[in-house]
């Protein structure tokens, strides 16, 4: 990764994040000062936050669909008892 070359022979997708993190780390007094750069670099590599967000959106959508189906079923049952 540090070379900057990706598998296609072009600049790697996370290389710019690596540069920012590397530059910060080389001139900081405390490693924790570079935490935001490290976080950005790791997010670029692993997409952890992106996947968590997608998962949360998917779960909420499924919950809404179940709720709508439940309400529809209850409304349908109410019509038959009239």
C-alpha atoms as a PDB file:
ATOM      1  CA  UNK A   1       0.000   0.000   0.000  1.00  0.00           C
ATOM      2  CA  UNK A   2       2.730   2.446   0.862  1.00  0.00           C
ATOM      3  CA  UNK A   3       4.028   2.355  -2.705  1.00  0.00           C
ATOM      4  CA  UNK A   4       0.752   3.839  -3.923  1.00  0.00           C
ATOM      5  CA  UNK A   5       0.276   1.305  -6.687  1.00  0.00           C
ATOM      6  CA  UNK A   6      -2.965  -0.624  -6.794  1.00  0.00           C
ATOM      7  CA  UNK A   7      -3.539  -4.017  -8.370  1.00  0.00           C
ATOM      8  CA  UNK A   8      -4.391  -2.427 -11.727  1.00  0.00           C
ATOM      9  CA  UNK A   9      -1.092  -0.550 -11.894  1.00  0.00           C
ATOM     10  CA  UNK A  10      -2.728   2.775 -11.091  1.00  0.00           C
ATOM     11  CA  UNK A  11      -2.814   4.715  -7.843  1.00  0.00           C
ATOM     12  CA  UNK A  12      -4.555   2.681  -5.140  1.00  0.00           C
ATOM     13  CA  UNK A  13      -8.004   3.842  -4.072  1.00  0.00           C
ATOM     14  CA  UNK A  14      -6.870   4.444  -0.489  1.00  0.00           C
ATOM     15  CA  UNK A  15      -3.467   5.899  -1.236  1.00  0.00           C
ATOM     16  CA  UNK A  16      -4.500   9.508  -0.611  1.00  0.00           C
ATOM     17  CA  UNK A  17      -5.870   8.512   2.797  1.00  0.00           C
ATOM     18  CA  UNK A  18      -2.633   6.655   3.501  1.00  0.00           C
ATOM     19  CA  UNK A  19      -0.597   9.754   2.618  1.00  0.00           C
ATOM     20  CA  UNK A  20      -2.639  11.929   4.967  1.00  0.00           C
ATOM     21  CA  UNK A  21      -2.301   9.415   7.794  1.00  0.00           C
ATOM     22  CA  UNK A  22       1.396   8.852   7.164  1.00  0.00           C
ATOM     23  CA  UNK A  23       2.180  12.574   7.036  1.00  0.00           C
ATOM     24  CA  UNK A  24       0.274  13.211  10.240  1.00  0.00           C
ATOM     25  CA  UNK A  25       1.938  10.319  12.023  1.00  0.00           C
ATOM     26  CA  UNK A  26       5.408  11.440  10.996  1.00  0.00           C
ATOM     27  CA  UNK A  27       4.970  14.918  12.491  1.00  0.00           C
ATOM     28  CA  UNK A  28       2.609  14.403  15.439  1.00  0.00           C
ATOM     29  CA  UNK A  29       3.610  14.328  19.077  1.00  0.00           C
ATOM     30  CA  UNK A  30       0.869  11.943  20.147  1.00  0.00           C
ATOM     31  CA  UNK A  31      -0.391   9.095  17.938  1.00  0.00           C
ATOM     32  CA  UNK A  32      -3.961   9.844  19.038  1.00  0.00           C
ATOM     33  CA  UNK A  33      -3.673  13.188  17.222  1.00  0.00           C
ATOM     34  CA  UNK A  34      -3.859  11.235  13.965  1.00  0.00           C
ATOM     35  CA  UNK A  35      -6.891   9.153  14.919  1.00  0.00           C
ATOM     36  CA  UNK A  36      -9.215  10.837  12.377  1.00  0.00           C
ATOM     37  CA  UNK A  37      -6.730  10.145   9.561  1.00  0.00           C
ATOM     38  CA  UNK A  38      -6.315   6.546  10.682  1.00  0.00           C
ATOM     39  CA  UNK A  39     -10.080   6.149  10.874  1.00  0.00           C
ATOM     40  CA  UNK A  40     -10.510   7.510   7.331  1.00  0.00           C
ATOM     41  CA  UNK A  41      -7.781   5.237   6.011  1.00  0.00           C
ATOM     42  CA  UNK A  42      -9.242   2.137   7.668  1.00  0.00           C
ATOM     43  CA  UNK A  43     -12.734   3.049   6.462  1.00  0.00           C
ATOM     44  CA  UNK A  44     -11.393   3.259   2.932  1.00  0.00           C
ATOM     45  CA  UNK A  45      -9.758  -0.153   3.289  1.00  0.00           C
ATOM     46  CA  UNK A  46     -12.506  -2.054   5.082  1.00  0.00           C
ATOM     47  CA  UNK A  47     -15.758  -0.038   4.697  1.00  0.00           C
ATOM     48  CA  UNK A  48     -16.821  -0.873   8.259  1.00  0.00           C
ATOM     49  CA  UNK A  49     -18.961   2.220   8.800  1.00  0.00           C
ATOM     50  CA  UNK A  50     -20.472   1.952   5.349  1.00  0.00           C
ATOM     51  CA  UNK A  51     -21.483  -1.670   5.911  1.00  0.00           C
ATOM     52  CA  UNK A  52     -22.869  -0.879   9.353  1.00  0.00           C
ATOM     53  CA  UNK A  53     -24.961   1.935   7.926  1.00  0.00           C
ATOM     54  CA  UNK A  54     -26.218  -0.200   5.046  1.00  0.00           C
ATOM     55  CA  UNK A  55     -27.103  -2.952   7.483  1.00  0.00           C
ATOM     56  CA  UNK A  56     -29.007  -0.533   9.722  1.00  0.00           C
ATOM     57  CA  UNK A  57     -30.934   0.856   6.746  1.00  0.00           C
ATOM     58  CA  UNK A  58     -31.762  -2.670   5.532  1.00  0.00           C
ATOM     59  CA  UNK A  59     -32.959  -3.758   8.995  1.00  0.00           C
ATOM     60  CA  UNK A  60     -35.137  -0.665   9.336  1.00  0.00           C
ATOM     61  CA  UNK A  61     -36.659  -1.253   5.898  1.00  0.00           C
ATOM     62  CA  UNK A  62     -37.436  -4.861   6.845  1.00  0.00           C
ATOM     63  CA  UNK A  63     -38.985  -3.702  10.126  1.00  0.00           C
ATOM     64  CA  UNK A  64     -41.182  -1.213   8.257  1.00  0.00           C
ATOM     65  CA  UNK A  65     -42.274  -3.884   5.778  1.00  0.00           C
ATOM     66  CA  UNK A  66     -43.185  -6.286   8.608  1.00  0.00           C
ATOM     67  CA  UNK A  67     -45.105  -3.533  10.379  1.00  0.00           C
ATOM     68  CA  UNK A  68     -46.999  -2.619   7.207  1.00  0.00           C
ATOM     69  CA  UNK A  69     -47.834  -6.292   6.589  1.00  0.00           C
ATOM     70  CA  UNK A  70     -49.034  -6.661  10.184  1.00  0.00           C
ATOM     71  CA  UNK A  71     -51.254  -3.572   9.906  1.00  0.00           C
ATOM     72  CA  UNK A  72     -52.615  -4.767   6.569  1.00  0.00           C
ATOM     73  CA  UNK A  73     -53.407  -8.163   8.050  1.00  0.00           C
ATOM     74  CA  UNK A  74     -55.119  -6.577  11.073  1.00  0.00           C
ATOM     75  CA  UNK A  75     -57.146  -4.285   8.798  1.00  0.00           C
ATOM     76  CA  UNK A  76     -58.128  -7.268   6.642  1.00  0.00           C
ATOM     77  CA  UNK A  77     -59.238  -9.286   9.658  1.00  0.00           C
ATOM     78  CA  UNK A  78     -61.297  -6.353  10.901  1.00  0.00           C
ATOM     79  CA  UNK A  79     -63.227  -6.255   7.609  1.00  0.00           C
ATOM     80  CA  UNK A  80     -64.320  -9.902   7.945  1.00  0.00           C
ATOM     81  CA  UNK A  81     -65.826  -9.432  11.395  1.00  0.00           C
ATOM     82  CA  UNK A  82     -68.237  -6.696  10.350  1.00  0.00           C
END
